[in-house]
């Protein structure tokens, strides 16, 4: 299930990047911050998956 979770986390990061870009383009600081938060969440989740992978070996 690790690869599926990593894919979901990557999608979350990409969605965050899109939100941040739209927020930046429209001067919407709330949307920009939400995008940054989504990117951070995706990164943290990917790091957790990497840790799980290390212990599975």
PDB file of N, CA and C in Angstrom:
ATOM      1  N   UNK A   1       0.824  -1.199   0.000  1.00  0.00           N
ATOM      2  CA  UNK A   1       0.000   0.000   0.000  1.00  0.00           C
ATOM      3  C   UNK A   1       0.864   1.257   0.000  1.00  0.00           C
ATOM      4  N   UNK A   2       2.147   1.124   0.178  1.00  0.00           N
ATOM      5  CA  UNK A   2       3.029   2.278   0.250  1.00  0.00           C
ATOM      6  C   UNK A   2       3.037   3.114  -1.016  1.00  0.00           C
ATOM      7  N   UNK A   3       3.051   2.452  -2.176  1.00  0.00           N
ATOM      8  CA  UNK A   3       3.130   3.202  -3.439  1.00  0.00           C
ATOM      9  C   UNK A   3       1.848   4.005  -3.675  1.00  0.00           C
ATOM     10  N   UNK A   4       0.722   3.449  -3.275  1.00  0.00           N
ATOM     11  CA  UNK A   4      -0.558   4.157  -3.435  1.00  0.00           C
ATOM     12  C   UNK A   4      -0.583   5.389  -2.530  1.00  0.00           C
ATOM     13  N   UNK A   5      -0.128   5.216  -1.308  1.00  0.00           N
ATOM     14  CA  UNK A   5      -0.096   6.344  -0.372  1.00  0.00           C
ATOM     15  C   UNK A   5       0.853   7.431  -0.856  1.00  0.00           C
ATOM     16  N   UNK A   6       2.017   7.027  -1.381  1.00  0.00           N
ATOM     17  CA  UNK A   6       2.971   8.012  -1.895  1.00  0.00           C
ATOM     18  C   UNK A   6       2.379   8.771  -3.070  1.00  0.00           C
ATOM     19  N   UNK A   7       1.637   8.071  -3.920  1.00  0.00           N
ATOM     20  CA  UNK A   7       0.998   8.739  -5.058  1.00  0.00           C
ATOM     21  C   UNK A   7      -0.042   9.748  -4.577  1.00  0.00           C
ATOM     22  N   UNK A   8      -0.834   9.358  -3.594  1.00  0.00           N
ATOM     23  CA  UNK A   8      -1.843  10.279  -3.045  1.00  0.00           C
ATOM     24  C   UNK A   8      -1.172  11.506  -2.436  1.00  0.00           C
ATOM     25  N   UNK A   9      -0.066  11.284  -1.741  1.00  0.00           N
ATOM     26  CA  UNK A   9       0.640  12.398  -1.113  1.00  0.00           C
ATOM     27  C   UNK A   9       1.233  13.333  -2.162  1.00  0.00           C
ATOM     28  N   UNK A  10       1.713  12.762  -3.250  1.00  0.00           N
ATOM     29  CA  UNK A  10       2.262  13.579  -4.334  1.00  0.00           C
ATOM     30  C   UNK A  10       1.165  14.403  -4.985  1.00  0.00           C
ATOM     31  N   UNK A  11      -0.004  13.803  -5.156  1.00  0.00           N
ATOM     32  CA  UNK A  11      -1.148  14.541  -5.715  1.00  0.00           C
ATOM     33  C   UNK A  11      -1.521  15.688  -4.781  1.00  0.00           C
ATOM     34  N   UNK A  12      -1.484  15.427  -3.477  1.00  0.00           N
ATOM     35  CA  UNK A  12      -1.803  16.477  -2.506  1.00  0.00           C
ATOM     36  C   UNK A  12      -0.801  17.631  -2.614  1.00  0.00           C
ATOM     37  N   UNK A  13       0.481  17.289  -2.781  1.00  0.00           N
ATOM     38  CA  UNK A  13       1.501  18.332  -2.946  1.00  0.00           C
ATOM     39  C   UNK A  13       1.268  19.132  -4.221  1.00  0.00           C
ATOM     40  N   UNK A  14       0.947  18.446  -5.315  1.00  0.00           N
ATOM     41  CA  UNK A  14       0.710  19.138  -6.582  1.00  0.00           C
ATOM     42  C   UNK A  14      -0.522  20.038  -6.506  1.00  0.00           C
ATOM     43  N   UNK A  15      -1.566  19.559  -5.841  1.00  0.00           N
ATOM     44  CA  UNK A  15      -2.761  20.378  -5.663  1.00  0.00           C
ATOM     45  C   UNK A  15      -2.419  21.621  -4.830  1.00  0.00           C
ATOM     46  N   UNK A  16      -1.579  21.439  -3.842  1.00  0.00           N
ATOM     47  CA  UNK A  16      -1.139  22.569  -3.026  1.00  0.00           C
ATOM     48  C   UNK A  16      -0.364  23.584  -3.835  1.00  0.00           C
ATOM     49  N   UNK A  17       0.484  23.093  -4.739  1.00  0.00           N
ATOM     50  CA  UNK A  17       1.245  24.003  -5.591  1.00  0.00           C
ATOM     51  C   UNK A  17       0.304  24.795  -6.500  1.00  0.00           C
ATOM     52  N   UNK A  18      -0.727  24.124  -7.005  1.00  0.00           N
ATOM     53  CA  UNK A  18      -1.694  24.796  -7.869  1.00  0.00           C
ATOM     54  C   UNK A  18      -2.460  25.865  -7.079  1.00  0.00           C
ATOM     55  N   UNK A  19      -2.897  25.508  -5.874  1.00  0.00           N
ATOM     56  CA  UNK A  19      -3.616  26.470  -5.035  1.00  0.00           C
ATOM     57  C   UNK A  19      -2.735  27.673  -4.725  1.00  0.00           C
ATOM     58  N   UNK A  20      -1.489  27.400  -4.403  1.00  0.00           N
ATOM     59  CA  UNK A  20      -0.578  28.499  -4.081  1.00  0.00           C
ATOM     60  C   UNK A  20      -0.390  29.408  -5.288  1.00  0.00           C
ATOM     61  N   UNK A  21      -0.245  28.829  -6.464  1.00  0.00           N
ATOM     62  CA  UNK A  21      -0.052  29.628  -7.681  1.00  0.00           C
ATOM     63  C   UNK A  21      -1.284  30.473  -7.982  1.00  0.00           C
ATOM     64  N   UNK A  22      -2.468  29.882  -7.841  1.00  0.00           N
ATOM     65  CA  UNK A  22      -3.703  30.633  -8.090  1.00  0.00           C
ATOM     66  C   UNK A  22      -3.858  31.739  -7.042  1.00  0.00           C
ATOM     67  N   UNK A  23      -3.577  31.409  -5.796  1.00  0.00           N
ATOM     68  CA  UNK A  23      -3.659  32.414  -4.743  1.00  0.00           C
ATOM     69  C   UNK A  23      -2.693  33.558  -4.971  1.00  0.00           C
ATOM     70  N   UNK A  24      -1.497  33.225  -5.449  1.00  0.00           N
ATOM     71  CA  UNK A  24      -0.499  34.256  -5.737  1.00  0.00           C
ATOM     72  C   UNK A  24      -0.945  35.129  -6.906  1.00  0.00           C
ATOM     73  N   UNK A  25      -1.481  34.495  -7.935  1.00  0.00           N
ATOM     74  CA  UNK A  25      -1.904  35.233  -9.133  1.00  0.00           C
ATOM     75  C   UNK A  25      -3.108  36.138  -8.856  1.00  0.00           C
ATOM     76  N   UNK A  26      -3.963  35.730  -7.924  1.00  0.00           N
ATOM     77  CA  UNK A  26      -5.178  36.494  -7.637  1.00  0.00           C
ATOM     78  C   UNK A  26      -5.051  37.340  -6.367  1.00  0.00           C
ATOM     79  N   UNK A  27      -3.846  37.385  -5.810  1.00  0.00           N
ATOM     80  CA  UNK A  27      -3.614  38.111  -4.549  1.00  0.00           C
ATOM     81  C   UNK A  27      -4.523  37.632  -3.428  1.00  0.00           C
ATOM     82  N   UNK A  28      -4.794  36.326  -3.402  1.00  0.00           N
ATOM     83  CA  UNK A  28      -5.616  35.726  -2.363  1.00  0.00           C
ATOM     84  C   UNK A  28      -4.670  35.034  -1.379  1.00  0.00           C
ATOM     85  N   UNK A  29      -4.362  35.737  -0.296  1.00  0.00           N
ATOM     86  CA  UNK A  29      -3.399  35.212   0.677  1.00  0.00           C
ATOM     87  C   UNK A  29      -3.898  33.954   1.376  1.00  0.00           C
ATOM     88  N   UNK A  30      -5.213  33.850   1.595  1.00  0.00           N
ATOM     89  CA  UNK A  30      -5.766  32.661   2.243  1.00  0.00           C
ATOM     90  C   UNK A  30      -5.570  31.422   1.375  1.00  0.00           C
ATOM     91  N   UNK A  31      -5.839  31.535   0.090  1.00  0.00           N
ATOM     92  CA  UNK A  31      -5.674  30.410  -0.827  1.00  0.00           C
ATOM     93  C   UNK A  31      -4.197  30.053  -0.964  1.00  0.00           C
ATOM     94  N   UNK A  32      -3.353  31.054  -1.009  1.00  0.00           N
ATOM     95  CA  UNK A  32      -1.915  30.822  -1.097  1.00  0.00           C
ATOM     96  C   UNK A  32      -1.422  30.059   0.136  1.00  0.00           C
ATOM     97  N   UNK A  33      -1.874  30.467   1.313  1.00  0.00           N
ATOM     98  CA  UNK A  33      -1.488  29.797   2.555  1.00  0.00           C
ATOM     99  C   UNK A  33      -2.027  28.370   2.601  1.00  0.00           C
ATOM    100  N   UNK A  34      -3.249  28.179   2.119  1.00  0.00           N
ATOM    101  CA  UNK A  34      -3.833  26.838   2.085  1.00  0.00           C
ATOM    102  C   UNK A  34      -3.008  25.929   1.169  1.00  0.00           C
ATOM    103  N   UNK A  35      -2.568  26.451   0.063  1.00  0.00           N
ATOM    104  CA  UNK A  35      -1.727  25.683  -0.853  1.00  0.00           C
ATOM    105  C   UNK A  35      -0.404  25.307  -0.219  1.00  0.00           C
ATOM    106  N   UNK A  36       0.191  26.234   0.497  1.00  0.00           N
ATOM    107  CA  UNK A  36       1.452  25.944   1.185  1.00  0.00           C
ATOM    108  C   UNK A  36       1.246  24.872   2.259  1.00  0.00           C
ATOM    109  N   UNK A  37       0.111  24.957   2.948  1.00  0.00           N
ATOM    110  CA  UNK A  37      -0.200  23.959   3.984  1.00  0.00           C
ATOM    111  C   UNK A  37      -0.369  22.579   3.358  1.00  0.00           C
ATOM    112  N   UNK A  38      -1.072  22.506   2.231  1.00  0.00           N
ATOM    113  CA  UNK A  38      -1.277  21.226   1.556  1.00  0.00           C
ATOM    114  C   UNK A  38       0.058  20.635   1.090  1.00  0.00           C
ATOM    115  N   UNK A  39       0.944  21.476   0.599  1.00  0.00           N
ATOM    116  CA  UNK A  39       2.263  21.005   0.173  1.00  0.00           C
ATOM    117  C   UNK A  39       3.041  20.435   1.360  1.00  0.00           C
ATOM    118  N   UNK A  40       2.985  21.125   2.470  1.00  0.00           N
ATOM    119  CA  UNK A  40       3.698  20.668   3.661  1.00  0.00           C
ATOM    120  C   UNK A  40       3.126  19.342   4.156  1.00  0.00           C
ATOM    121  N   UNK A  41       1.795  19.232   4.142  1.00  0.00           N
ATOM    122  CA  UNK A  41       1.163  17.976   4.577  1.00  0.00           C
ATOM    123  C   UNK A  41       1.604  16.826   3.690  1.00  0.00           C
ATOM    124  N   UNK A  42       1.612  17.040   2.393  1.00  0.00           N
ATOM    125  CA  UNK A  42       2.032  15.990   1.467  1.00  0.00           C
ATOM    126  C   UNK A  42       3.477  15.590   1.688  1.00  0.00           C
ATOM    127  N   UNK A  43       4.329  16.558   1.955  1.00  0.00           N
ATOM    128  CA  UNK A  43       5.746  16.272   2.202  1.00  0.00           C
ATOM    129  C   UNK A  43       5.944  15.469   3.486  1.00  0.00           C
ATOM    130  N   UNK A  44       5.238  15.857   4.530  1.00  0.00           N
ATOM    131  CA  UNK A  44       5.349  15.140   5.808  1.00  0.00           C
ATOM    132  C   UNK A  44       4.838  13.713   5.661  1.00  0.00           C
ATOM    133  N   UNK A  45       3.726  13.547   4.956  1.00  0.00           N
ATOM    134  CA  UNK A  45       3.186  12.204   4.757  1.00  0.00           C
ATOM    135  C   UNK A  45       4.145  11.342   3.943  1.00  0.00           C
ATOM    136  N   UNK A  46       4.778  11.926   2.929  1.00  0.00           N
ATOM    137  CA  UNK A  46       5.761  11.168   2.146  1.00  0.00           C
ATOM    138  C   UNK A  46       6.949  10.772   3.007  1.00  0.00           C
ATOM    139  N   UNK A  47       7.383  11.652   3.879  1.00  0.00           N
ATOM    140  CA  UNK A  47       8.495  11.333   4.776  1.00  0.00           C
ATOM    141  C   UNK A  47       8.116  10.179   5.704  1.00  0.00           C
ATOM    142  N   UNK A  48       6.882  10.187   6.188  1.00  0.00           N
ATOM    143  CA  UNK A  48       6.417   9.097   7.048  1.00  0.00           C
ATOM    144  C   UNK A  48       6.392   7.777   6.281  1.00  0.00           C
ATOM    145  N   UNK A  49       5.981   7.813   5.029  1.00  0.00           N
ATOM    146  CA  UNK A  49       5.988   6.607   4.199  1.00  0.00           C
ATOM    147  C   UNK A  49       7.411   6.094   4.005  1.00  0.00           C
ATOM    148  N   UNK A  50       8.357   7.012   3.815  1.00  0.00           N
ATOM    149  CA  UNK A  50       9.755   6.613   3.654  1.00  0.00           C
ATOM    150  C   UNK A  50      10.270   5.913   4.909  1.00  0.00           C
ATOM    151  N   UNK A  51       9.892   6.430   6.064  1.00  0.00           N
ATOM    152  CA  UNK A  51      10.297   5.809   7.333  1.00  0.00           C
ATOM    153  C   UNK A  51       9.692   4.407   7.437  1.00  0.00           C
ATOM    154  N   UNK A  52       8.423   4.283   7.080  1.00  0.00           N
ATOM    155  CA  UNK A  52       7.779   2.965   7.109  1.00  0.00           C
ATOM    156  C   UNK A  52       8.516   1.994   6.202  1.00  0.00           C
ATOM    157  N   UNK A  53       8.908   2.456   5.027  1.00  0.00           N
ATOM    158  CA  UNK A  53       9.613   1.609   4.069  1.00  0.00           C
ATOM    159  C   UNK A  53      10.940   1.116   4.630  1.00  0.00           C
ATOM    160  N   UNK A  54      11.626   1.967   5.357  1.00  0.00           N
ATOM    161  CA  UNK A  54      12.913   1.576   5.948  1.00  0.00           C
ATOM    162  C   UNK A  54      12.722   0.430   6.929  1.00  0.00           C
ATOM    163  N   UNK A  55      11.663   0.493   7.729  1.00  0.00           N
ATOM    164  CA  UNK A  55      11.447  -0.526   8.732  1.00  0.00           C
ATOM    165  C   UNK A  55      10.843  -1.815   8.172  1.00  0.00           C
ATOM    166  N   UNK A  56      10.310  -1.759   6.962  1.00  0.00           N
ATOM    167  CA  UNK A  56       9.763  -2.969   6.342  1.00  0.00           C
ATOM    168  C   UNK A  56      10.858  -3.891   5.834  1.00  0.00           C
ATOM    169  N   UNK A  57      12.048  -3.338   5.575  1.00  0.00           N
ATOM    170  CA  UNK A  57      13.134  -4.130   4.999  1.00  0.00           C
ATOM    171  C   UNK A  57      13.804  -5.003   6.011  1.00  0.00           C
TER     172      UNK A  57
END
